[in-house]
C-alpha atoms as a PDB file:
ATOM      1  CA  UNK A   1       1.505  68.291  -3.044  1.00  0.00           C
ATOM      2  CA  UNK A   2       2.430  69.317  -0.314  1.00  0.00           C
ATOM      3  CA  UNK A   3       4.659  72.158   0.518  1.00  0.00           C
ATOM      4  CA  UNK A   4       6.480  73.057   3.387  1.00  0.00           C
ATOM      5  CA  UNK A   5       6.847  77.072   2.830  1.00  0.00           C
ATOM      6  CA  UNK A   6       5.201  78.841   5.480  1.00  0.00           C
ATOM      7  CA  UNK A   7       2.651  81.270   4.120  1.00  0.00           C
ATOM      8  CA  UNK A   8       4.209  84.770   4.814  1.00  0.00           C
ATOM      9  CA  UNK A   9       2.321  88.215   5.856  1.00  0.00           C
ATOM     10  CA  UNK A  10       2.866  91.076   3.371  1.00  0.00           C
ATOM     11  CA  UNK A  11       1.576  94.343   4.043  1.00  0.00           C
ATOM     12  CA  UNK A  12       0.408  96.530   1.048  1.00  0.00           C
ATOM     13  CA  UNK A  13      -0.979 100.332   0.058  1.00  0.00           C
ATOM     14  CA  UNK A  14      -3.947 100.018   0.145  1.00  0.00           C
ATOM     15  CA  UNK A  15      -4.457 102.413  -2.839  1.00  0.00           C
ATOM     16  CA  UNK A  16      -1.692 100.315  -5.105  1.00  0.00           C
ATOM     17  CA  UNK A  17      -1.261  97.810  -3.667  1.00  0.00           C
ATOM     18  CA  UNK A  18       2.296  98.162  -3.308  1.00  0.00           C
ATOM     19  CA  UNK A  19       4.256  96.094  -1.085  1.00  0.00           C
ATOM     20  CA  UNK A  20       5.825  98.123   1.690  1.00  0.00           C
ATOM     21  CA  UNK A  21       6.912  95.804   4.112  1.00  0.00           C
ATOM     22  CA  UNK A  22       6.740  91.846   5.318  1.00  0.00           C
ATOM     23  CA  UNK A  23       6.146  90.615   8.534  1.00  0.00           C
ATOM     24  CA  UNK A  24       9.540  90.217   9.209  1.00  0.00           C
ATOM     25  CA  UNK A  25       9.707  93.362   9.452  1.00  0.00           C
ATOM     26  CA  UNK A  26       7.715  93.722  11.824  1.00  0.00           C
ATOM     27  CA  UNK A  27       8.889  95.382  15.293  1.00  0.00           C
ATOM     28  CA  UNK A  28       6.468  94.060  17.969  1.00  0.00           C
ATOM     29  CA  UNK A  29       6.496  95.720  21.196  1.00  0.00           C
ATOM     30  CA  UNK A  30       4.312  95.536  24.786  1.00  0.00           C
ATOM     31  CA  UNK A  31       0.868  96.509  24.927  1.00  0.00           C
ATOM     32  CA  UNK A  32       0.453  99.695  26.843  1.00  0.00           C
ATOM     33  CA  UNK A  33      -1.921 100.957  29.563  1.00  0.00           C
ATOM     34  CA  UNK A  34      -4.360 102.260  27.119  1.00  0.00           C
ATOM     35  CA  UNK A  35      -6.997 104.891  27.975  1.00  0.00           C
ATOM     36  CA  UNK A  36      -4.626 105.624  31.286  1.00  0.00           C
ATOM     37  CA  UNK A  37      -1.556 106.682  29.074  1.00  0.00           C
ATOM     38  CA  UNK A  38      -3.545 109.523  27.724  1.00  0.00           C
ATOM     39  CA  UNK A  39      -5.780 110.493  30.997  1.00  0.00           C
ATOM     40  CA  UNK A  40      -3.745 113.733  30.297  1.00  0.00           C
ATOM     41  CA  UNK A  41      -5.378 114.771  27.121  1.00  0.00           C
ATOM     42  CA  UNK A  42      -9.310 113.292  28.352  1.00  0.00           C
ATOM     43  CA  UNK A  43      -9.683 116.420  30.861  1.00  0.00           C
ATOM     44  CA  UNK A  44     -11.753 114.161  33.932  1.00  0.00           C
ATOM     45  CA  UNK A  45     -13.863 111.806  31.322  1.00  0.00           C
ATOM     46  CA  UNK A  46     -14.171 108.621  33.023  1.00  0.00           C
ATOM     47  CA  UNK A  47     -11.692 105.756  32.239  1.00  0.00           C
ATOM     48  CA  UNK A  48     -12.856 102.341  30.718  1.00  0.00           C
ATOM     49  CA  UNK A  49     -10.420 100.133  32.571  1.00  0.00           C
ATOM     50  CA  UNK A  50     -11.436  97.250  30.869  1.00  0.00           C
ATOM     51  CA  UNK A  51     -11.631  97.718  27.643  1.00  0.00           C
ATOM     52  CA  UNK A  52      -8.635  96.379  26.171  1.00  0.00           C
ATOM     53  CA  UNK A  53      -6.693  98.660  24.037  1.00  0.00           C
ATOM     54  CA  UNK A  54      -5.539  97.478  20.270  1.00  0.00           C
ATOM     55  CA  UNK A  55      -3.342  99.015  18.249  1.00  0.00           C
ATOM     56  CA  UNK A  56      -4.110 101.277  15.164  1.00  0.00           C
ATOM     57  CA  UNK A  57      -0.416 100.454  13.888  1.00  0.00           C
ATOM     58  CA  UNK A  58       1.958  98.493  13.013  1.00  0.00           C
ATOM     59  CA  UNK A  59       5.727  99.195  13.544  1.00  0.00           C
ATOM     60  CA  UNK A  60       8.694  98.033  11.874  1.00  0.00           C
ATOM     61  CA  UNK A  61      12.110  98.495  11.016  1.00  0.00           C
ATOM     62  CA  UNK A  62      13.766 101.184   8.608  1.00  0.00           C
ATOM     63  CA  UNK A  63      13.403  99.917   5.155  1.00  0.00           C
ATOM     64  CA  UNK A  64      15.228 101.479   1.893  1.00  0.00           C
ATOM     65  CA  UNK A  65      11.457 102.525   0.589  1.00  0.00           C
ATOM     66  CA  UNK A  66      11.341 105.074   2.739  1.00  0.00           C
ATOM     67  CA  UNK A  67      13.168 108.069   1.665  1.00  0.00           C
ATOM     68  CA  UNK A  68      13.169 110.874   4.179  1.00  0.00           C
ATOM     69  CA  UNK A  69      14.941 108.244   6.417  1.00  0.00           C
ATOM     70  CA  UNK A  70      18.052 107.761   3.919  1.00  0.00           C
ATOM     71  CA  UNK A  71      17.781 111.377   3.571  1.00  0.00           C
ATOM     72  CA  UNK A  72      18.719 111.846   6.976  1.00  0.00           C
ATOM     73  CA  UNK A  73      15.653 113.410   8.588  1.00  0.00           C
ATOM     74  CA  UNK A  74      15.203 113.144  12.504  1.00  0.00           C
ATOM     75  CA  UNK A  75      11.176 112.918  12.590  1.00  0.00           C
ATOM     76  CA  UNK A  76       8.745 113.047   9.003  1.00  0.00           C
ATOM     77  CA  UNK A  77       6.002 111.343   7.164  1.00  0.00           C
ATOM     78  CA  UNK A  78       6.275 108.101   5.839  1.00  0.00           C
ATOM     79  CA  UNK A  79       4.892 108.322   1.875  1.00  0.00           C
ATOM     80  CA  UNK A  80       4.250 105.093  -0.637  1.00  0.00           C
ATOM     81  CA  UNK A  81       6.724 105.552  -3.695  1.00  0.00           C
ATOM     82  CA  UNK A  82       3.900 103.999  -6.294  1.00  0.00           C
ATOM     83  CA  UNK A  83       1.101 106.607  -5.337  1.00  0.00           C
ATOM     84  CA  UNK A  84       2.537 109.037  -2.886  1.00  0.00           C
ATOM     85  CA  UNK A  85      -0.247 108.066  -0.384  1.00  0.00           C
ATOM     86  CA  UNK A  86       0.760 108.849   2.936  1.00  0.00           C
ATOM     87  CA  UNK A  87       1.225 105.615   4.823  1.00  0.00           C
ATOM     88  CA  UNK A  88       2.703 107.033   8.439  1.00  0.00           C
ATOM     89  CA  UNK A  89       5.644 108.696   9.925  1.00  0.00           C
ATOM     90  CA  UNK A  90       8.662 107.882  11.560  1.00  0.00           C
ATOM     91  CA  UNK A  91      10.841 109.574  14.873  1.00  0.00           C
ATOM     92  CA  UNK A  92      14.081 108.118  15.923  1.00  0.00           C
ATOM     93  CA  UNK A  93      13.692 109.853  19.310  1.00  0.00           C
ATOM     94  CA  UNK A  94      10.272 107.191  19.328  1.00  0.00           C
ATOM     95  CA  UNK A  95       6.257 107.977  19.643  1.00  0.00           C
ATOM     96  CA  UNK A  96       3.520 106.584  21.546  1.00  0.00           C
ATOM     97  CA  UNK A  97       1.317 103.624  20.370  1.00  0.00           C
ATOM     98  CA  UNK A  98      -2.505 103.943  20.413  1.00  0.00           C
ATOM     99  CA  UNK A  99      -2.429 101.208  23.256  1.00  0.00           C
ATOM    100  CA  UNK A 100       0.032 103.730  25.238  1.00  0.00           C
ATOM    101  CA  UNK A 101       2.948 101.551  24.788  1.00  0.00           C
ATOM    102  CA  UNK A 102       6.385 103.989  23.515  1.00  0.00           C
ATOM    103  CA  UNK A 103       8.186 102.702  21.016  1.00  0.00           C
ATOM    104  CA  UNK A 104      11.611 103.380  19.910  1.00  0.00           C
ATOM    105  CA  UNK A 105      12.771 104.327  17.201  1.00  0.00           C
ATOM    106  CA  UNK A 106       9.499 104.136  15.728  1.00  0.00           C
ATOM    107  CA  UNK A 107       8.312 103.418  12.229  1.00  0.00           C
ATOM    108  CA  UNK A 108       4.622 103.688  12.508  1.00  0.00           C
ATOM    109  CA  UNK A 109       2.703 102.491   9.598  1.00  0.00           C
ATOM    110  CA  UNK A 110      -0.918 103.538   9.896  1.00  0.00           C
ATOM    111  CA  UNK A 111      -3.404 100.036   9.825  1.00  0.00           C
ATOM    112  CA  UNK A 112      -6.229 102.364   8.133  1.00  0.00           C
ATOM    113  CA  UNK A 113      -3.647 103.185   4.810  1.00  0.00           C
ATOM    114  CA  UNK A 114      -2.346  99.512   4.526  1.00  0.00           C
ATOM    115  CA  UNK A 115      -3.214  95.874   3.539  1.00  0.00           C
ATOM    116  CA  UNK A 116      -2.651  92.402   5.390  1.00  0.00           C
ATOM    117  CA  UNK A 117      -2.438  89.502   2.867  1.00  0.00           C
ATOM    118  CA  UNK A 118      -0.642  86.794   2.865  1.00  0.00           C
ATOM    119  CA  UNK A 119       1.861  85.121  -0.083  1.00  0.00           C
END
């Protein structure tokens, strides 16, 4: 039996496995210039310009489970509803991704705190 349904990527809290986002909620951004964008923090350390920056987070649209957003906060940490683990943070003014790109507004989920699965 063949199905025409596409598998959807889901993002779950690593600790309690609660679904926190789906691929359709992810906001893509143009990749930044990597370490060049953070040079002022390096204080003279040599830059690895050949190294392609990788995003350590995903950015999603605001969602109902984000209580701090619903309460009207401008910036705050994002906590899992199930186990209260910190999943990321948000800022309506935006924030910089680890790849160097500026994302505005930013609802950031750290890849180290979530699992990616298909269903």
